[in-house]
Amino acid sequence: MSKYQQEWKQMLQKDEEFKEWKIRSSGGDLLIRVPEDTDMDLLKIQFSAIIAPIAPLIKSPKTTIKFYVGNTDEADFIFTLNH
């Protein structure tokens, strides 16, 4: 796990807004499982705005990271953050 990926994971896990999210690392990416009752279409639209406040807090050198987000074993969408 890269330092950048590790920081993202830690920041998401300690944020109260994401307390129900299960976050794991896989390669250089993050796998996020949200509660089953989550409106995935709405989350997909709002995802960048939801995680935007965290980005400035990450101190490691920025790299591309993918967030695989779903409420089952399958990812409903993939959000790629490029730097």
C-alpha atoms as a PDB file:
ATOM      1  CA  MET A   1       0.000   0.000   0.000  1.00  0.00           C
ATOM      2  CA  SER A   2       1.399   3.369  -0.980  1.00  0.00           C
ATOM      3  CA  LYS A   3       1.677   6.168   1.563  1.00  0.00           C
ATOM      4  CA  TYR A   4      -0.837   8.179  -0.490  1.00  0.00           C
ATOM      5  CA  GLN A   5      -3.333   5.313  -0.500  1.00  0.00           C
ATOM      6  CA  GLN A   6      -2.741   4.712   3.212  1.00  0.00           C
ATOM      7  CA  GLU A   7      -3.452   8.369   4.023  1.00  0.00           C
ATOM      8  CA  TRP A   8      -6.699   8.315   2.038  1.00  0.00           C
ATOM      9  CA  LYS A   9      -7.807   5.168   3.818  1.00  0.00           C
ATOM     10  CA  GLN A  10      -6.992   6.576   7.263  1.00  0.00           C
ATOM     11  CA  MET A  11      -8.668   9.923   6.584  1.00  0.00           C
ATOM     12  CA  LEU A  12     -11.852   8.285   5.312  1.00  0.00           C
ATOM     13  CA  GLN A  13     -11.961   5.825   8.213  1.00  0.00           C
ATOM     14  CA  LYS A  14     -11.622   8.487  10.890  1.00  0.00           C
ATOM     15  CA  ASP A  15     -14.193  10.863   9.349  1.00  0.00           C
ATOM     16  CA  GLU A  16     -17.575  10.560  11.083  1.00  0.00           C
ATOM     17  CA  GLU A  17     -19.403  10.964   7.748  1.00  0.00           C
ATOM     18  CA  PHE A  18     -17.902   7.698   6.492  1.00  0.00           C
ATOM     19  CA  LYS A  19     -18.130   5.626   9.686  1.00  0.00           C
ATOM     20  CA  GLU A  20     -20.416   3.052   8.039  1.00  0.00           C
ATOM     21  CA  TRP A  21     -18.118   2.595   5.038  1.00  0.00           C
ATOM     22  CA  LYS A  22     -15.883  -0.487   4.964  1.00  0.00           C
ATOM     23  CA  ILE A  23     -12.609   0.489   3.310  1.00  0.00           C
ATOM     24  CA  ARG A  24      -9.887  -1.900   2.156  1.00  0.00           C
ATOM     25  CA  SER A  25      -6.842  -1.431   0.040  1.00  0.00           C
ATOM     26  CA  SER A  26      -6.148  -3.458  -3.080  1.00  0.00           C
ATOM     27  CA  GLY A  27      -2.989  -2.841  -5.052  1.00  0.00           C
ATOM     28  CA  GLY A  28      -2.814   0.933  -5.379  1.00  0.00           C
ATOM     29  CA  ASP A  29      -6.574   1.392  -5.091  1.00  0.00           C
ATOM     30  CA  LEU A  30      -9.268   1.539  -2.416  1.00  0.00           C
ATOM     31  CA  LEU A  31     -12.281  -0.734  -2.253  1.00  0.00           C
ATOM     32  CA  ILE A  32     -15.193   0.908  -0.470  1.00  0.00           C
ATOM     33  CA  ARG A  33     -18.358  -0.890   0.567  1.00  0.00           C
ATOM     34  CA  VAL A  34     -21.160   1.408   1.624  1.00  0.00           C
ATOM     35  CA  PRO A  35     -24.375   0.381   3.448  1.00  0.00           C
ATOM     36  CA  GLU A  36     -26.850  -1.585   1.320  1.00  0.00           C
ATOM     37  CA  ASP A  37     -29.527   1.104   1.564  1.00  0.00           C
ATOM     38  CA  THR A  38     -27.239   3.718  -0.054  1.00  0.00           C
ATOM     39  CA  ASP A  39     -28.624   5.396  -3.190  1.00  0.00           C
ATOM     40  CA  MET A  40     -25.741   4.447  -5.484  1.00  0.00           C
ATOM     41  CA  ASP A  41     -26.819   6.713  -8.349  1.00  0.00           C
ATOM     42  CA  LEU A  42     -26.821   9.716  -6.024  1.00  0.00           C
ATOM     43  CA  LEU A  43     -23.524   8.693  -4.420  1.00  0.00           C
ATOM     44  CA  LYS A  44     -21.901   8.370  -7.852  1.00  0.00           C
ATOM     45  CA  ILE A  45     -22.992  11.899  -8.771  1.00  0.00           C
ATOM     46  CA  GLN A  46     -21.875  13.375  -5.444  1.00  0.00           C
ATOM     47  CA  PHE A  47     -18.737  11.297  -4.781  1.00  0.00           C
ATOM     48  CA  SER A  48     -16.169  13.870  -5.890  1.00  0.00           C
ATOM     49  CA  ALA A  49     -17.837  16.570  -3.782  1.00  0.00           C
ATOM     50  CA  ILE A  50     -18.055  14.227  -0.784  1.00  0.00           C
ATOM     51  CA  ILE A  51     -14.340  13.389  -0.757  1.00  0.00           C
ATOM     52  CA  ALA A  52     -13.117  16.835  -1.913  1.00  0.00           C
ATOM     53  CA  PRO A  53     -12.681  18.256   1.638  1.00  0.00           C
ATOM     54  CA  ILE A  54     -10.250  15.436   2.444  1.00  0.00           C
ATOM     55  CA  ALA A  55      -7.928  15.930  -0.545  1.00  0.00           C
ATOM     56  CA  PRO A  56      -6.116  19.017   0.827  1.00  0.00           C
ATOM     57  CA  LEU A  57      -5.370  17.136   4.064  1.00  0.00           C
ATOM     58  CA  ILE A  58      -3.358  14.429   2.271  1.00  0.00           C
ATOM     59  CA  LYS A  59       0.333  15.263   2.625  1.00  0.00           C
ATOM     60  CA  SER A  60       1.934  12.450   0.592  1.00  0.00           C
ATOM     61  CA  PRO A  61       2.979  13.036  -3.015  1.00  0.00           C
ATOM     62  CA  LYS A  62      -0.140  12.790  -5.153  1.00  0.00           C
ATOM     63  CA  THR A  63      -0.594   9.860  -7.517  1.00  0.00           C
ATOM     64  CA  THR A  64      -3.537   8.395  -9.395  1.00  0.00           C
ATOM     65  CA  ILE A  65      -5.859   6.402  -7.162  1.00  0.00           C
ATOM     66  CA  LYS A  66      -9.073   4.566  -7.965  1.00  0.00           C
ATOM     67  CA  PHE A  67     -11.977   4.226  -5.567  1.00  0.00           C
ATOM     68  CA  TYR A  68     -14.080   1.126  -6.294  1.00  0.00           C
ATOM     69  CA  VAL A  69     -17.393   1.900  -4.608  1.00  0.00           C
ATOM     70  CA  GLY A  70     -20.326  -0.448  -4.128  1.00  0.00           C
ATOM     71  CA  ASN A  71     -22.877  -1.752  -1.679  1.00  0.00           C
ATOM     72  CA  THR A  72     -22.408  -5.439  -2.599  1.00  0.00           C
ATOM     73  CA  ASP A  73     -19.387  -7.522  -3.553  1.00  0.00           C
ATOM     74  CA  GLU A  74     -19.401  -5.791  -6.949  1.00  0.00           C
ATOM     75  CA  ALA A  75     -18.287  -2.221  -7.536  1.00  0.00           C
ATOM     76  CA  ASP A  76     -21.206  -0.063  -8.666  1.00  0.00           C
ATOM     77  CA  PHE A  77     -18.841   2.604  -9.917  1.00  0.00           C
ATOM     78  CA  ILE A  78     -15.173   3.460 -10.107  1.00  0.00           C
ATOM     79  CA  PHE A  79     -13.986   6.973  -9.310  1.00  0.00           C
ATOM     80  CA  THR A  80     -10.491   7.811 -10.536  1.00  0.00           C
ATOM     81  CA  LEU A  81      -8.617  10.664  -8.891  1.00  0.00           C
ATOM     82  CA  ASN A  82      -5.786  11.827 -11.153  1.00  0.00           C
ATOM     83  CA  HIS A  83      -2.979  14.142 -10.137  1.00  0.00           C
END
